[in-house]
Amino acid sequence: MRIMISADMEGATGVTWTGDVVPGTEQWQRFRRLFTADVNACVTGLVAGGAEQVIVNEAHSSQRNLLLEDLHHSARLLTGRHKPLSMMQGIDSEVDGVVFLGYHTGAGARGVLAHTYLENSITGVWLDGEHASEGRLNAALATEHGVPVLLVTGDDLTCADAAAYVPAARTVAVKECVSRYAAVCLPPAVTSSQITEASLSAMSRAGRTAQSVKPHRIEIEFDATHLADAAAVVPTVDLLGDRRVGFDAASMTEAMKAFKVVTHIAAAAIEDLYG
């Protein structure tokens, strides 16, 4: 039984603002430990529930945030950038379940540090007409490979979002959103216990199902016209409005690869002061 953890940082215990998650800051060094503790709590529960292998895919920013020296001895760490499937690298390696740990709500939605891939230049993403967070996008990719989403952790609004796209998954709200940069946070001792309990319980749903490959459509809205223009240079990407682009793909795997290209090109077009 092999389980994958896709570990993002904005939804980790205690995280509430930019400095908590930007590599190199004093606060980031502090929250790396709390982030690693959330992952370890999850691994503990998964192993207690029957997981024989746990692979942790770092999914945040530099993707070099977790502390390997403090990682649970039963886990392996996939760390570093430029992975073909990014946050979901490894989903195609015959895993029996995936956990979305430390996730957050999507661009244009309420939630602590809400965004979708780009921190502040995307105002909305839609998958097949549904407003999509990173969680919804990644869940569709997991479904394509027949891998159930077992557990989602993050703030309370992230858990509500998850209930819409993976209603059978367990959720753990480690904090309650007050604003994009404020939350009522539970202490690590409490969140660790809750994550471990939920992970153990969620293992009852582990096990691959039939793959479901089908076409998908993604639309993206930016906060400036030049970003949409830059993205529309990509073949198959259509300019739908002043700030909106869209594209179709034959599978979710192809859709996510195209989405990655579009966001990279848009990011490269962002200027320092005016965006």
Foldseek 3Di string as FASTA:
>chain_A
DEEEELAEALFFFPHFDDQCADPPHPNVLVSLVRSQLLVQLLVLQQVLQPHQEYEYFQQYDQQPRHDPVPHDPRYHYDGGDDALLRSPPPLQVPGQAYEYESFWADAQDWTAQHYAPDSAWWRFKDKQRHTDHVVLLVCQVSQQNQHAHAEYEGAPVVVVVCCVRRVVHHYDHQWHDPGNRDTHGDDSVVSSVVSSVSSNVSSVNTGGDDHDWAKMKMKIFTPAQVLLVQLCVDPQWARPDSGMIMGMDGGSSVVSSSVVVSVVRSVVVDDDPPD
